[in-house]
């Protein structure tokens, strides 16, 4: 009889066992090593797996699903969409180093990609490429008229109206997934209006990626999605997004040990403890859609007591054809501040 080697014994792992350490700088300060347990990761995957299950019967119509992941797998968002979620769908994942819009479009068509995973800047660059090519072909004005006419149409009708663009990407391509930063509403509107599903999520490294995500067929316009099962979200009196659940990372790696992220609990009842303060400001509508309003530390409080979110002003300014890019900062004025825009024309 053929001798088979003894199988390697399974390591003694449980949900509290450390799985990985991802270093992130967040938006400020020195890089932090965020220590994630197996339970943190599973707390994100389990609700996604449950949500996917009812749709698996339709997967054969698109099989094999192919994901083009342009987000580094050193980023927890890139890991989830490029490594952990695709096997739940029996999907294939392609990785590509170049972010050149022309090469991205060629890859999507050649490899029959179904879903693109990218940060908002890549989606903005692809939009710019589409619009520039329409201008070169003398079709931009007619495209704008078609774009306005498609406002109230359903997805199949939009796909047919903009079949020239869909043919360029290949008819198997139907969705973009955006993460890593806030997607400008105008970019979301562009892709949705020409007949692609736009899926956007919200999360931080400390929340092991996802806190909320848009349902691909029940998309809340401008929203960063509905809160996933297994976690709680609330807004404090100042509008900061607070998160609680098993998805909160085990801690920060410091020296040779893991220091808890939730180092101290808020005073009061158990309902007031265990919340992770994201540093982000948000809003919730009556249907449970979560909206990102900006970083808490970036809010500009004017002399009139108005809270101004730089991201809102930047979004509006970028819609002006003369503005290539911009940043809004607060200039101090008598203990308060006023918004000042720096423009790249």
C-alpha atoms as a PDB file:
ATOM      1  CA  UNK A   1       0.000   0.000   0.000  1.00  0.00           C
ATOM      2  CA  UNK A   2       1.170   3.487  -0.760  1.00  0.00           C
ATOM      3  CA  UNK A   3       2.392   5.298   2.336  1.00  0.00           C
ATOM      4  CA  UNK A   4       0.708   8.631   2.883  1.00  0.00           C
ATOM      5  CA  UNK A   5       2.388  11.193   5.148  1.00  0.00           C
ATOM      6  CA  UNK A   6       0.669  12.068   8.365  1.00  0.00           C
ATOM      7  CA  UNK A   7      -1.353  15.292   7.988  1.00  0.00           C
ATOM      8  CA  UNK A   8      -0.028  18.360   9.700  1.00  0.00           C
ATOM      9  CA  UNK A   9      -1.873  18.916  12.980  1.00  0.00           C
ATOM     10  CA  UNK A  10      -4.206  21.900  12.952  1.00  0.00           C
ATOM     11  CA  UNK A  11      -2.835  24.792  15.013  1.00  0.00           C
ATOM     12  CA  UNK A  12      -4.799  25.507  18.200  1.00  0.00           C
ATOM     13  CA  UNK A  13      -6.648  28.535  16.854  1.00  0.00           C
ATOM     14  CA  UNK A  14      -9.905  30.091  17.970  1.00  0.00           C
ATOM     15  CA  UNK A  15     -11.697  33.356  17.206  1.00  0.00           C
ATOM     16  CA  UNK A  16      -9.482  35.262  19.654  1.00  0.00           C
ATOM     17  CA  UNK A  17      -6.228  34.114  18.009  1.00  0.00           C
ATOM     18  CA  UNK A  18      -4.198  36.808  16.275  1.00  0.00           C
ATOM     19  CA  UNK A  19      -4.471  36.545  12.473  1.00  0.00           C
ATOM     20  CA  UNK A  20      -2.447  39.510  11.176  1.00  0.00           C
ATOM     21  CA  UNK A  21      -1.093  42.963  11.927  1.00  0.00           C
ATOM     22  CA  UNK A  22      -1.779  45.690   9.357  1.00  0.00           C
ATOM     23  CA  UNK A  23       0.077  48.965   9.713  1.00  0.00           C
ATOM     24  CA  UNK A  24      -1.927  52.049   8.927  1.00  0.00           C
ATOM     25  CA  UNK A  25      -1.250  55.742   9.353  1.00  0.00           C
ATOM     26  CA  UNK A  26      -4.950  56.581   9.257  1.00  0.00           C
ATOM     27  CA  UNK A  27      -5.122  60.230   8.276  1.00  0.00           C
ATOM     28  CA  UNK A  28      -2.670  61.604  10.828  1.00  0.00           C
ATOM     29  CA  UNK A  29       0.138  60.624  13.240  1.00  0.00           C
ATOM     30  CA  UNK A  30       2.656  57.779  13.113  1.00  0.00           C
ATOM     31  CA  UNK A  31       1.761  54.388  11.617  1.00  0.00           C
ATOM     32  CA  UNK A  32      -0.107  52.057  13.945  1.00  0.00           C
ATOM     33  CA  UNK A  33      -0.036  48.277  13.847  1.00  0.00           C
ATOM     34  CA  UNK A  34      -3.677  47.178  13.965  1.00  0.00           C
ATOM     35  CA  UNK A  35      -3.831  43.635  15.357  1.00  0.00           C
ATOM     36  CA  UNK A  36      -6.730  41.609  13.931  1.00  0.00           C
ATOM     37  CA  UNK A  37      -7.992  38.328  15.294  1.00  0.00           C
ATOM     38  CA  UNK A  38      -9.617  35.513  13.329  1.00  0.00           C
ATOM     39  CA  UNK A  39     -12.885  36.523  15.004  1.00  0.00           C
ATOM     40  CA  UNK A  40     -12.538  40.103  13.749  1.00  0.00           C
ATOM     41  CA  UNK A  41     -12.242  38.857  10.166  1.00  0.00           C
ATOM     42  CA  UNK A  42     -15.036  36.277  10.494  1.00  0.00           C
ATOM     43  CA  UNK A  43     -17.333  38.934  11.998  1.00  0.00           C
ATOM     44  CA  UNK A  44     -17.091  40.730   8.643  1.00  0.00           C
ATOM     45  CA  UNK A  45     -17.292  37.667   6.408  1.00  0.00           C
ATOM     46  CA  UNK A  46     -20.210  35.900   8.105  1.00  0.00           C
ATOM     47  CA  UNK A  47     -22.877  38.569   7.395  1.00  0.00           C
ATOM     48  CA  UNK A  48     -21.589  38.952   3.826  1.00  0.00           C
ATOM     49  CA  UNK A  49     -21.771  35.191   3.278  1.00  0.00           C
ATOM     50  CA  UNK A  50     -25.344  35.155   4.617  1.00  0.00           C
ATOM     51  CA  UNK A  51     -26.330  38.051   2.343  1.00  0.00           C
ATOM     52  CA  UNK A  52     -24.747  36.368  -0.716  1.00  0.00           C
ATOM     53  CA  UNK A  53     -26.403  32.966  -0.194  1.00  0.00           C
ATOM     54  CA  UNK A  54     -29.856  33.870  -1.625  1.00  0.00           C
ATOM     55  CA  UNK A  55     -28.226  35.133  -4.839  1.00  0.00           C
ATOM     56  CA  UNK A  56     -25.944  32.158  -5.522  1.00  0.00           C
ATOM     57  CA  UNK A  57     -28.625  30.552  -7.714  1.00  0.00           C
ATOM     58  CA  UNK A  58     -28.217  33.465 -10.134  1.00  0.00           C
ATOM     59  CA  UNK A  59     -24.435  33.225 -10.158  1.00  0.00           C
ATOM     60  CA  UNK A  60     -24.501  30.595 -12.914  1.00  0.00           C
ATOM     61  CA  UNK A  61     -25.881  33.225 -15.307  1.00  0.00           C
ATOM     62  CA  UNK A  62     -22.644  35.213 -14.906  1.00  0.00           C
ATOM     63  CA  UNK A  63     -20.227  32.336 -14.209  1.00  0.00           C
ATOM     64  CA  UNK A  64     -17.374  32.645 -13.882  1.00  0.00           C
ATOM     65  CA  UNK A  65     -17.480  35.938 -12.019  1.00  0.00           C
ATOM     66  CA  UNK A  66     -14.201  37.792 -12.490  1.00  0.00           C
ATOM     67  CA  UNK A  67     -12.982  40.549 -10.169  1.00  0.00           C
ATOM     68  CA  UNK A  68     -10.283  43.037 -11.167  1.00  0.00           C
ATOM     69  CA  UNK A  69      -8.777  44.188  -7.855  1.00  0.00           C
ATOM     70  CA  UNK A  70      -6.811  47.454  -8.094  1.00  0.00           C
ATOM     71  CA  UNK A  71      -6.594  47.940  -4.304  1.00  0.00           C
ATOM     72  CA  UNK A  72      -3.376  46.638  -2.647  1.00  0.00           C
ATOM     73  CA  UNK A  73      -3.840  43.526  -0.501  1.00  0.00           C
ATOM     74  CA  UNK A  74      -1.766  45.268   2.183  1.00  0.00           C
ATOM     75  CA  UNK A  75      -5.009  47.250   2.660  1.00  0.00           C
ATOM     76  CA  UNK A  76      -7.784  45.416   4.521  1.00  0.00           C
ATOM     77  CA  UNK A  77     -10.340  46.548   1.903  1.00  0.00           C
ATOM     78  CA  UNK A  78      -8.168  45.010  -0.805  1.00  0.00           C
ATOM     79  CA  UNK A  79      -7.923  41.785   1.189  1.00  0.00           C
ATOM     80  CA  UNK A  80     -11.668  41.430   1.664  1.00  0.00           C
ATOM     81  CA  UNK A  81     -12.644  42.052  -1.939  1.00  0.00           C
ATOM     82  CA  UNK A  82      -9.566  40.440  -3.484  1.00  0.00           C
ATOM     83  CA  UNK A  83      -8.919  37.439  -1.249  1.00  0.00           C
ATOM     84  CA  UNK A  84     -11.736  36.522   1.147  1.00  0.00           C
ATOM     85  CA  UNK A  85     -15.074  37.396  -0.491  1.00  0.00           C
ATOM     86  CA  UNK A  86     -14.502  36.008  -4.037  1.00  0.00           C
ATOM     87  CA  UNK A  87     -14.293  32.341  -2.875  1.00  0.00           C
ATOM     88  CA  UNK A  88     -17.788  32.725  -1.395  1.00  0.00           C
ATOM     89  CA  UNK A  89     -18.960  33.357  -4.978  1.00  0.00           C
ATOM     90  CA  UNK A  90     -16.661  30.912  -6.741  1.00  0.00           C
ATOM     91  CA  UNK A  91     -15.093  33.946  -8.397  1.00  0.00           C
ATOM     92  CA  UNK A  92     -11.740  34.515 -10.094  1.00  0.00           C
ATOM     93  CA  UNK A  93      -9.593  37.504  -9.096  1.00  0.00           C
ATOM     94  CA  UNK A  94      -7.175  39.380 -11.338  1.00  0.00           C
ATOM     95  CA  UNK A  95      -4.548  41.806 -10.077  1.00  0.00           C
ATOM     96  CA  UNK A  96      -2.923  44.547 -12.124  1.00  0.00           C
ATOM     97  CA  UNK A  97      -0.222  47.008 -11.135  1.00  0.00           C
ATOM     98  CA  UNK A  98      -0.914  49.762 -13.651  1.00  0.00           C
ATOM     99  CA  UNK A  99      -3.670  52.281 -12.986  1.00  0.00           C
ATOM    100  CA  UNK A 100      -3.566  53.653 -16.529  1.00  0.00           C
ATOM    101  CA  UNK A 101      -7.237  54.044 -17.602  1.00  0.00           C
ATOM    102  CA  UNK A 102      -6.616  52.739 -21.139  1.00  0.00           C
ATOM    103  CA  UNK A 103      -4.945  49.574 -19.827  1.00  0.00           C
ATOM    104  CA  UNK A 104      -7.670  49.049 -17.206  1.00  0.00           C
ATOM    105  CA  UNK A 105     -10.366  49.167 -19.911  1.00  0.00           C
ATOM    106  CA  UNK A 106      -8.351  46.761 -22.099  1.00  0.00           C
ATOM    107  CA  UNK A 107      -7.973  44.311 -19.206  1.00  0.00           C
ATOM    108  CA  UNK A 108     -11.675  44.449 -18.352  1.00  0.00           C
ATOM    109  CA  UNK A 109     -12.628  43.649 -21.942  1.00  0.00           C
ATOM    110  CA  UNK A 110      -9.890  41.088 -22.661  1.00  0.00           C
ATOM    111  CA  UNK A 111     -10.320  39.128 -19.400  1.00  0.00           C
ATOM    112  CA  UNK A 112     -14.125  39.403 -19.396  1.00  0.00           C
ATOM    113  CA  UNK A 113     -14.114  41.105 -15.989  1.00  0.00           C
ATOM    114  CA  UNK A 114     -17.466  41.334 -14.183  1.00  0.00           C
ATOM    115  CA  UNK A 115     -16.590  43.652 -11.285  1.00  0.00           C
ATOM    116  CA  UNK A 116     -13.944  46.350 -10.806  1.00  0.00           C
ATOM    117  CA  UNK A 117     -12.619  47.024  -7.280  1.00  0.00           C
ATOM    118  CA  UNK A 118     -10.950  50.419  -7.022  1.00  0.00           C
ATOM    119  CA  UNK A 119     -10.537  53.597  -5.016  1.00  0.00           C
ATOM    120  CA  UNK A 120     -12.547  56.688  -6.076  1.00  0.00           C
ATOM    121  CA  UNK A 121      -9.558  58.301  -7.802  1.00  0.00           C
ATOM    122  CA  UNK A 122      -9.357  55.401 -10.291  1.00  0.00           C
ATOM    123  CA  UNK A 123     -13.079  55.653 -11.059  1.00  0.00           C
ATOM    124  CA  UNK A 124     -12.644  59.396 -11.577  1.00  0.00           C
ATOM    125  CA  UNK A 125      -9.734  58.767 -13.985  1.00  0.00           C
ATOM    126  CA  UNK A 126     -11.790  56.226 -15.961  1.00  0.00           C
ATOM    127  CA  UNK A 127     -14.679  58.701 -16.174  1.00  0.00           C
ATOM    128  CA  UNK A 128     -12.282  61.346 -17.476  1.00  0.00           C
ATOM    129  CA  UNK A 129     -10.963  58.927 -20.108  1.00  0.00           C
ATOM    130  CA  UNK A 130     -14.495  58.112 -21.327  1.00  0.00           C
ATOM    131  CA  UNK A 131     -15.439  61.794 -21.543  1.00  0.00           C
ATOM    132  CA  UNK A 132     -12.209  62.804 -23.313  1.00  0.00           C
ATOM    133  CA  UNK A 133     -12.646  60.081 -25.921  1.00  0.00           C
ATOM    134  CA  UNK A 134     -16.240  61.189 -26.538  1.00  0.00           C
ATOM    135  CA  UNK A 135     -14.990  64.733 -27.080  1.00  0.00           C
ATOM    136  CA  UNK A 136     -12.324  63.537 -29.544  1.00  0.00           C
ATOM    137  CA  UNK A 137     -15.030  61.679 -31.483  1.00  0.00           C
ATOM    138  CA  UNK A 138     -17.291  64.751 -31.480  1.00  0.00           C
ATOM    139  CA  UNK A 139     -19.936  62.899 -29.436  1.00  0.00           C
ATOM    140  CA  UNK A 140     -19.732  64.629 -26.068  1.00  0.00           C
ATOM    141  CA  UNK A 141     -22.660  67.013 -26.566  1.00  0.00           C
ATOM    142  CA  UNK A 142     -24.967  64.212 -27.699  1.00  0.00           C
ATOM    143  CA  UNK A 143     -23.732  62.127 -24.760  1.00  0.00           C
ATOM    144  CA  UNK A 144     -24.742  64.900 -22.331  1.00  0.00           C
ATOM    145  CA  UNK A 145     -28.223  64.992 -23.836  1.00  0.00           C
ATOM    146  CA  UNK A 146     -28.505  61.203 -23.544  1.00  0.00           C
ATOM    147  CA  UNK A 147     -27.152  61.432 -19.978  1.00  0.00           C
ATOM    148  CA  UNK A 148     -29.913  63.856 -18.976  1.00  0.00           C
ATOM    149  CA  UNK A 149     -32.558  61.753 -20.732  1.00  0.00           C
ATOM    150  CA  UNK A 150     -31.488  58.625 -18.797  1.00  0.00           C
ATOM    151  CA  UNK A 151     -32.202  60.192 -15.399  1.00  0.00           C
ATOM    152  CA  UNK A 152     -35.488  58.341 -14.794  1.00  0.00           C
ATOM    153  CA  UNK A 153     -34.693  55.126 -16.703  1.00  0.00           C
ATOM    154  CA  UNK A 154     -34.049  51.666 -15.256  1.00  0.00           C
ATOM    155  CA  UNK A 155     -30.719  49.876 -15.537  1.00  0.00           C
ATOM    156  CA  UNK A 156     -31.449  47.725 -18.637  1.00  0.00           C
ATOM    157  CA  UNK A 157     -32.653  50.789 -20.537  1.00  0.00           C
ATOM    158  CA  UNK A 158     -29.556  52.756 -19.516  1.00  0.00           C
ATOM    159  CA  UNK A 159     -27.287  49.910 -20.614  1.00  0.00           C
ATOM    160  CA  UNK A 160     -28.892  49.918 -24.046  1.00  0.00           C
ATOM    161  CA  UNK A 161     -28.807  53.723 -24.327  1.00  0.00           C
ATOM    162  CA  UNK A 162     -25.057  53.731 -23.555  1.00  0.00           C
ATOM    163  CA  UNK A 163     -24.298  50.483 -25.372  1.00  0.00           C
ATOM    164  CA  UNK A 164     -21.327  52.134 -27.105  1.00  0.00           C
ATOM    165  CA  UNK A 165     -19.595  52.480 -23.706  1.00  0.00           C
ATOM    166  CA  UNK A 166     -20.673  49.014 -22.507  1.00  0.00           C
ATOM    167  CA  UNK A 167     -19.374  47.458 -25.728  1.00  0.00           C
ATOM    168  CA  UNK A 168     -16.017  49.083 -25.085  1.00  0.00           C
ATOM    169  CA  UNK A 169     -15.740  47.497 -21.615  1.00  0.00           C
ATOM    170  CA  UNK A 170     -17.272  44.202 -22.721  1.00  0.00           C
ATOM    171  CA  UNK A 171     -20.847  43.159 -22.010  1.00  0.00           C
ATOM    172  CA  UNK A 172     -19.870  41.038 -19.032  1.00  0.00           C
ATOM    173  CA  UNK A 173     -18.757  44.082 -17.023  1.00  0.00           C
ATOM    174  CA  UNK A 174     -21.606  45.353 -14.838  1.00  0.00           C
ATOM    175  CA  UNK A 175     -20.409  46.726 -11.460  1.00  0.00           C
ATOM    176  CA  UNK A 176     -17.813  48.868  -9.698  1.00  0.00           C
ATOM    177  CA  UNK A 177     -16.997  48.568  -6.002  1.00  0.00           C
ATOM    178  CA  UNK A 178     -15.481  51.669  -4.419  1.00  0.00           C
ATOM    179  CA  UNK A 179     -13.708  51.929  -1.081  1.00  0.00           C
ATOM    180  CA  UNK A 180     -10.728  53.393   0.733  1.00  0.00           C
ATOM    181  CA  UNK A 181     -12.110  56.942   0.482  1.00  0.00           C
ATOM    182  CA  UNK A 182     -15.419  58.710   0.011  1.00  0.00           C
ATOM    183  CA  UNK A 183     -16.851  58.494  -3.499  1.00  0.00           C
ATOM    184  CA  UNK A 184     -17.859  61.889  -4.860  1.00  0.00           C
ATOM    185  CA  UNK A 185     -21.624  61.918  -5.576  1.00  0.00           C
ATOM    186  CA  UNK A 186     -21.002  63.167  -9.118  1.00  0.00           C
ATOM    187  CA  UNK A 187     -18.772  60.143  -9.866  1.00  0.00           C
ATOM    188  CA  UNK A 188     -21.359  57.783  -8.369  1.00  0.00           C
ATOM    189  CA  UNK A 189     -24.040  59.446 -10.489  1.00  0.00           C
ATOM    190  CA  UNK A 190     -21.964  59.132 -13.676  1.00  0.00           C
ATOM    191  CA  UNK A 191     -21.397  55.380 -13.397  1.00  0.00           C
ATOM    192  CA  UNK A 192     -24.944  54.660 -12.238  1.00  0.00           C
ATOM    193  CA  UNK A 193     -26.520  56.816 -14.935  1.00  0.00           C
ATOM    194  CA  UNK A 194     -24.674  55.044 -17.774  1.00  0.00           C
ATOM    195  CA  UNK A 195     -25.874  51.657 -16.546  1.00  0.00           C
ATOM    196  CA  UNK A 196     -23.378  50.214 -14.053  1.00  0.00           C
ATOM    197  CA  UNK A 197     -24.094  49.139 -10.463  1.00  0.00           C
ATOM    198  CA  UNK A 198     -22.082  51.272  -8.024  1.00  0.00           C
ATOM    199  CA  UNK A 199     -21.384  49.618  -4.671  1.00  0.00           C
ATOM    200  CA  UNK A 200     -19.819  51.663  -1.900  1.00  0.00           C
ATOM    201  CA  UNK A 201     -18.844  50.654   1.618  1.00  0.00           C
ATOM    202  CA  UNK A 202     -17.507  52.288   4.749  1.00  0.00           C
ATOM    203  CA  UNK A 203     -14.995  51.047   7.259  1.00  0.00           C
ATOM    204  CA  UNK A 204     -11.611  51.537   8.860  1.00  0.00           C
ATOM    205  CA  UNK A 205      -8.652  49.280   9.485  1.00  0.00           C
ATOM    206  CA  UNK A 206      -9.657  49.263  13.162  1.00  0.00           C
ATOM    207  CA  UNK A 207     -13.125  47.963  12.230  1.00  0.00           C
ATOM    208  CA  UNK A 208     -11.549  45.169  10.121  1.00  0.00           C
ATOM    209  CA  UNK A 209     -12.805  46.795   6.950  1.00  0.00           C
ATOM    210  CA  UNK A 210     -16.563  46.955   6.552  1.00  0.00           C
ATOM    211  CA  UNK A 211     -19.042  48.650   8.856  1.00  0.00           C
ATOM    212  CA  UNK A 212     -21.657  49.338   6.192  1.00  0.00           C
ATOM    213  CA  UNK A 213     -22.084  48.497   2.524  1.00  0.00           C
ATOM    214  CA  UNK A 214     -24.570  49.296  -0.225  1.00  0.00           C
ATOM    215  CA  UNK A 215     -26.725  46.442  -1.463  1.00  0.00           C
ATOM    216  CA  UNK A 216     -25.950  46.164  -5.221  1.00  0.00           C
ATOM    217  CA  UNK A 217     -29.656  46.137  -6.131  1.00  0.00           C
ATOM    218  CA  UNK A 218     -30.954  48.489  -3.417  1.00  0.00           C
ATOM    219  CA  UNK A 219     -28.532  51.377  -3.650  1.00  0.00           C
ATOM    220  CA  UNK A 220     -29.025  54.476  -1.503  1.00  0.00           C
ATOM    221  CA  UNK A 221     -27.868  57.427  -3.576  1.00  0.00           C
ATOM    222  CA  UNK A 222     -24.859  59.126  -1.986  1.00  0.00           C
ATOM    223  CA  UNK A 223     -24.944  56.706   0.939  1.00  0.00           C
ATOM    224  CA  UNK A 224     -22.074  54.595   2.262  1.00  0.00           C
ATOM    225  CA  UNK A 225     -24.562  51.803   2.848  1.00  0.00           C
ATOM    226  CA  UNK A 226     -26.561  50.123   5.550  1.00  0.00           C
ATOM    227  CA  UNK A 227     -24.913  48.727   8.664  1.00  0.00           C
ATOM    228  CA  UNK A 228     -23.954  45.059   8.352  1.00  0.00           C
ATOM    229  CA  UNK A 229     -25.441  42.509  10.736  1.00  0.00           C
ATOM    230  CA  UNK A 230     -23.420  41.771  13.849  1.00  0.00           C
ATOM    231  CA  UNK A 231     -22.339  45.335  14.577  1.00  0.00           C
ATOM    232  CA  UNK A 232     -23.921  48.436  16.014  1.00  0.00           C
ATOM    233  CA  UNK A 233     -23.549  52.009  14.835  1.00  0.00           C
ATOM    234  CA  UNK A 234     -24.725  55.190  16.485  1.00  0.00           C
ATOM    235  CA  UNK A 235     -23.960  58.886  16.284  1.00  0.00           C
ATOM    236  CA  UNK A 236     -22.827  60.782  19.352  1.00  0.00           C
ATOM    237  CA  UNK A 237     -24.346  64.233  20.079  1.00  0.00           C
ATOM    238  CA  UNK A 238     -21.678  65.822  17.874  1.00  0.00           C
ATOM    239  CA  UNK A 239     -22.435  63.524  14.929  1.00  0.00           C
ATOM    240  CA  UNK A 240     -19.361  61.290  15.262  1.00  0.00           C
ATOM    241  CA  UNK A 241     -19.812  57.709  14.020  1.00  0.00           C
ATOM    242  CA  UNK A 242     -19.406  55.192  16.852  1.00  0.00           C
ATOM    243  CA  UNK A 243     -19.097  51.452  16.159  1.00  0.00           C
ATOM    244  CA  UNK A 244     -19.403  48.437  18.433  1.00  0.00           C
ATOM    245  CA  UNK A 245     -19.111  44.709  17.736  1.00  0.00           C
ATOM    246  CA  UNK A 246     -16.793  41.752  17.260  1.00  0.00           C
ATOM    247  CA  UNK A 247     -15.414  43.386  14.125  1.00  0.00           C
ATOM    248  CA  UNK A 248     -13.485  45.957  16.210  1.00  0.00           C
ATOM    249  CA  UNK A 249      -9.826  44.937  15.961  1.00  0.00           C
ATOM    250  CA  UNK A 250      -8.222  43.182  18.909  1.00  0.00           C
ATOM    251  CA  UNK A 251      -5.913  46.116  19.529  1.00  0.00           C
ATOM    252  CA  UNK A 252      -2.780  48.006  18.497  1.00  0.00           C
ATOM    253  CA  UNK A 253       0.560  46.218  18.355  1.00  0.00           C
ATOM    254  CA  UNK A 254       2.870  48.033  20.743  1.00  0.00           C
ATOM    255  CA  UNK A 255       6.310  46.720  21.602  1.00  0.00           C
ATOM    256  CA  UNK A 256       5.740  42.979  21.857  1.00  0.00           C
ATOM    257  CA  UNK A 257       2.130  42.923  22.920  1.00  0.00           C
ATOM    258  CA  UNK A 258      -1.350  43.901  21.797  1.00  0.00           C
ATOM    259  CA  UNK A 259      -2.758  47.002  23.486  1.00  0.00           C
ATOM    260  CA  UNK A 260      -6.569  47.116  23.457  1.00  0.00           C
ATOM    261  CA  UNK A 261      -8.113  49.689  21.127  1.00  0.00           C
ATOM    262  CA  UNK A 262     -10.948  50.296  23.587  1.00  0.00           C
ATOM    263  CA  UNK A 263      -8.626  51.238  26.417  1.00  0.00           C
ATOM    264  CA  UNK A 264     -11.348  52.733  28.590  1.00  0.00           C
ATOM    265  CA  UNK A 265     -15.124  52.562  28.605  1.00  0.00           C
ATOM    266  CA  UNK A 266     -17.442  55.510  28.806  1.00  0.00           C
ATOM    267  CA  UNK A 267     -19.039  55.999  32.206  1.00  0.00           C
ATOM    268  CA  UNK A 268     -22.619  54.967  32.717  1.00  0.00           C
ATOM    269  CA  UNK A 269     -24.623  51.897  31.774  1.00  0.00           C
ATOM    270  CA  UNK A 270     -23.257  48.959  29.725  1.00  0.00           C
ATOM    271  CA  UNK A 271     -25.090  50.468  26.729  1.00  0.00           C
ATOM    272  CA  UNK A 272     -22.642  53.390  26.888  1.00  0.00           C
ATOM    273  CA  UNK A 273     -19.472  51.239  26.886  1.00  0.00           C
ATOM    274  CA  UNK A 274     -17.445  49.419  24.274  1.00  0.00           C
ATOM    275  CA  UNK A 275     -17.889  51.950  21.445  1.00  0.00           C
ATOM    276  CA  UNK A 276     -15.047  52.689  19.022  1.00  0.00           C
ATOM    277  CA  UNK A 277     -14.816  56.385  18.112  1.00  0.00           C
ATOM    278  CA  UNK A 278     -14.052  56.533  14.384  1.00  0.00           C
ATOM    279  CA  UNK A 279     -13.226  60.246  14.182  1.00  0.00           C
ATOM    280  CA  UNK A 280     -15.656  60.460  11.248  1.00  0.00           C
ATOM    281  CA  UNK A 281     -18.871  62.452  11.164  1.00  0.00           C
ATOM    282  CA  UNK A 282     -21.989  60.964   9.669  1.00  0.00           C
ATOM    283  CA  UNK A 283     -25.758  61.051   9.315  1.00  0.00           C
ATOM    284  CA  UNK A 284     -28.466  58.362   9.253  1.00  0.00           C
ATOM    285  CA  UNK A 285     -31.703  58.642   7.296  1.00  0.00           C
ATOM    286  CA  UNK A 286     -35.078  57.097   8.127  1.00  0.00           C
ATOM    287  CA  UNK A 287     -34.270  53.991   6.041  1.00  0.00           C
ATOM    288  CA  UNK A 288     -31.038  53.276   7.912  1.00  0.00           C
ATOM    289  CA  UNK A 289     -28.667  54.528   5.200  1.00  0.00           C
ATOM    290  CA  UNK A 290     -25.422  55.915   6.577  1.00  0.00           C
ATOM    291  CA  UNK A 291     -23.882  59.064   5.068  1.00  0.00           C
ATOM    292  CA  UNK A 292     -20.290  60.253   5.505  1.00  0.00           C
ATOM    293  CA  UNK A 293     -19.982  63.950   6.333  1.00  0.00           C
ATOM    294  CA  UNK A 294     -16.230  64.330   6.860  1.00  0.00           C
ATOM    295  CA  UNK A 295     -13.478  63.974   9.415  1.00  0.00           C
ATOM    296  CA  UNK A 296     -14.360  65.362  12.846  1.00  0.00           C
ATOM    297  CA  UNK A 297     -11.080  67.265  13.157  1.00  0.00           C
ATOM    298  CA  UNK A 298     -11.578  68.895   9.726  1.00  0.00           C
ATOM    299  CA  UNK A 299     -14.913  70.583  10.486  1.00  0.00           C
ATOM    300  CA  UNK A 300     -14.724  74.364  10.110  1.00  0.00           C
ATOM    301  CA  UNK A 301     -16.841  76.278  12.637  1.00  0.00           C
ATOM    302  CA  UNK A 302     -17.611  79.769  11.323  1.00  0.00           C
ATOM    303  CA  UNK A 303     -18.188  82.948  13.295  1.00  0.00           C
ATOM    304  CA  UNK A 304     -21.932  82.413  12.783  1.00  0.00           C
ATOM    305  CA  UNK A 305     -21.670  78.995  14.449  1.00  0.00           C
ATOM    306  CA  UNK A 306     -22.179  77.050  11.217  1.00  0.00           C
ATOM    307  CA  UNK A 307     -20.401  73.719  10.782  1.00  0.00           C
ATOM    308  CA  UNK A 308     -18.790  73.588   7.341  1.00  0.00           C
ATOM    309  CA  UNK A 309     -17.535  70.262   5.993  1.00  0.00           C
ATOM    310  CA  UNK A 310     -14.573  70.803   3.620  1.00  0.00           C
ATOM    311  CA  UNK A 311     -15.502  67.664   1.640  1.00  0.00           C
ATOM    312  CA  UNK A 312     -18.900  69.175   0.726  1.00  0.00           C
ATOM    313  CA  UNK A 313     -17.358  72.368  -0.646  1.00  0.00           C
ATOM    314  CA  UNK A 314     -14.591  70.464  -2.461  1.00  0.00           C
ATOM    315  CA  UNK A 315     -17.195  68.229  -4.118  1.00  0.00           C
ATOM    316  CA  UNK A 316     -19.126  71.257  -5.412  1.00  0.00           C
ATOM    317  CA  UNK A 317     -16.015  73.080  -6.594  1.00  0.00           C
ATOM    318  CA  UNK A 318     -14.752  70.050  -8.546  1.00  0.00           C
ATOM    319  CA  UNK A 319     -17.955  70.087 -10.578  1.00  0.00           C
ATOM    320  CA  UNK A 320     -16.923  73.429 -12.063  1.00  0.00           C
ATOM    321  CA  UNK A 321     -15.285  72.854 -15.458  1.00  0.00           C
ATOM    322  CA  UNK A 322     -12.534  75.391 -14.691  1.00  0.00           C
ATOM    323  CA  UNK A 323     -11.433  73.543 -11.513  1.00  0.00           C
ATOM    324  CA  UNK A 324      -9.093  70.571 -11.948  1.00  0.00           C
ATOM    325  CA  UNK A 325      -8.704  69.953  -8.201  1.00  0.00           C
ATOM    326  CA  UNK A 326      -9.022  71.813  -4.917  1.00  0.00           C
ATOM    327  CA  UNK A 327      -8.660  71.646  -1.166  1.00  0.00           C
ATOM    328  CA  UNK A 328     -10.661  73.571   1.435  1.00  0.00           C
ATOM    329  CA  UNK A 329      -8.991  74.592   4.688  1.00  0.00           C
ATOM    330  CA  UNK A 330     -10.040  76.675   7.664  1.00  0.00           C
ATOM    331  CA  UNK A 331      -8.419  80.045   8.330  1.00  0.00           C
ATOM    332  CA  UNK A 332      -8.586  81.194  11.953  1.00  0.00           C
ATOM    333  CA  UNK A 333     -10.645  84.320  12.575  1.00  0.00           C
ATOM    334  CA  UNK A 334     -11.125  85.500  16.147  1.00  0.00           C
ATOM    335  CA  UNK A 335     -11.372  82.085  17.779  1.00  0.00           C
ATOM    336  CA  UNK A 336     -13.446  80.688  14.941  1.00  0.00           C
ATOM    337  CA  UNK A 337     -12.574  80.063  11.322  1.00  0.00           C
ATOM    338  CA  UNK A 338     -13.752  80.609   7.795  1.00  0.00           C
ATOM    339  CA  UNK A 339     -13.380  78.272   4.818  1.00  0.00           C
ATOM    340  CA  UNK A 340     -10.744  79.066   2.229  1.00  0.00           C
ATOM    341  CA  UNK A 341     -10.446  77.131  -1.055  1.00  0.00           C
ATOM    342  CA  UNK A 342      -7.122  76.569  -2.768  1.00  0.00           C
ATOM    343  CA  UNK A 343      -7.766  75.842  -6.454  1.00  0.00           C
ATOM    344  CA  UNK A 344      -5.789  74.066  -9.151  1.00  0.00           C
ATOM    345  CA  UNK A 345      -7.278  75.408 -12.393  1.00  0.00           C
END
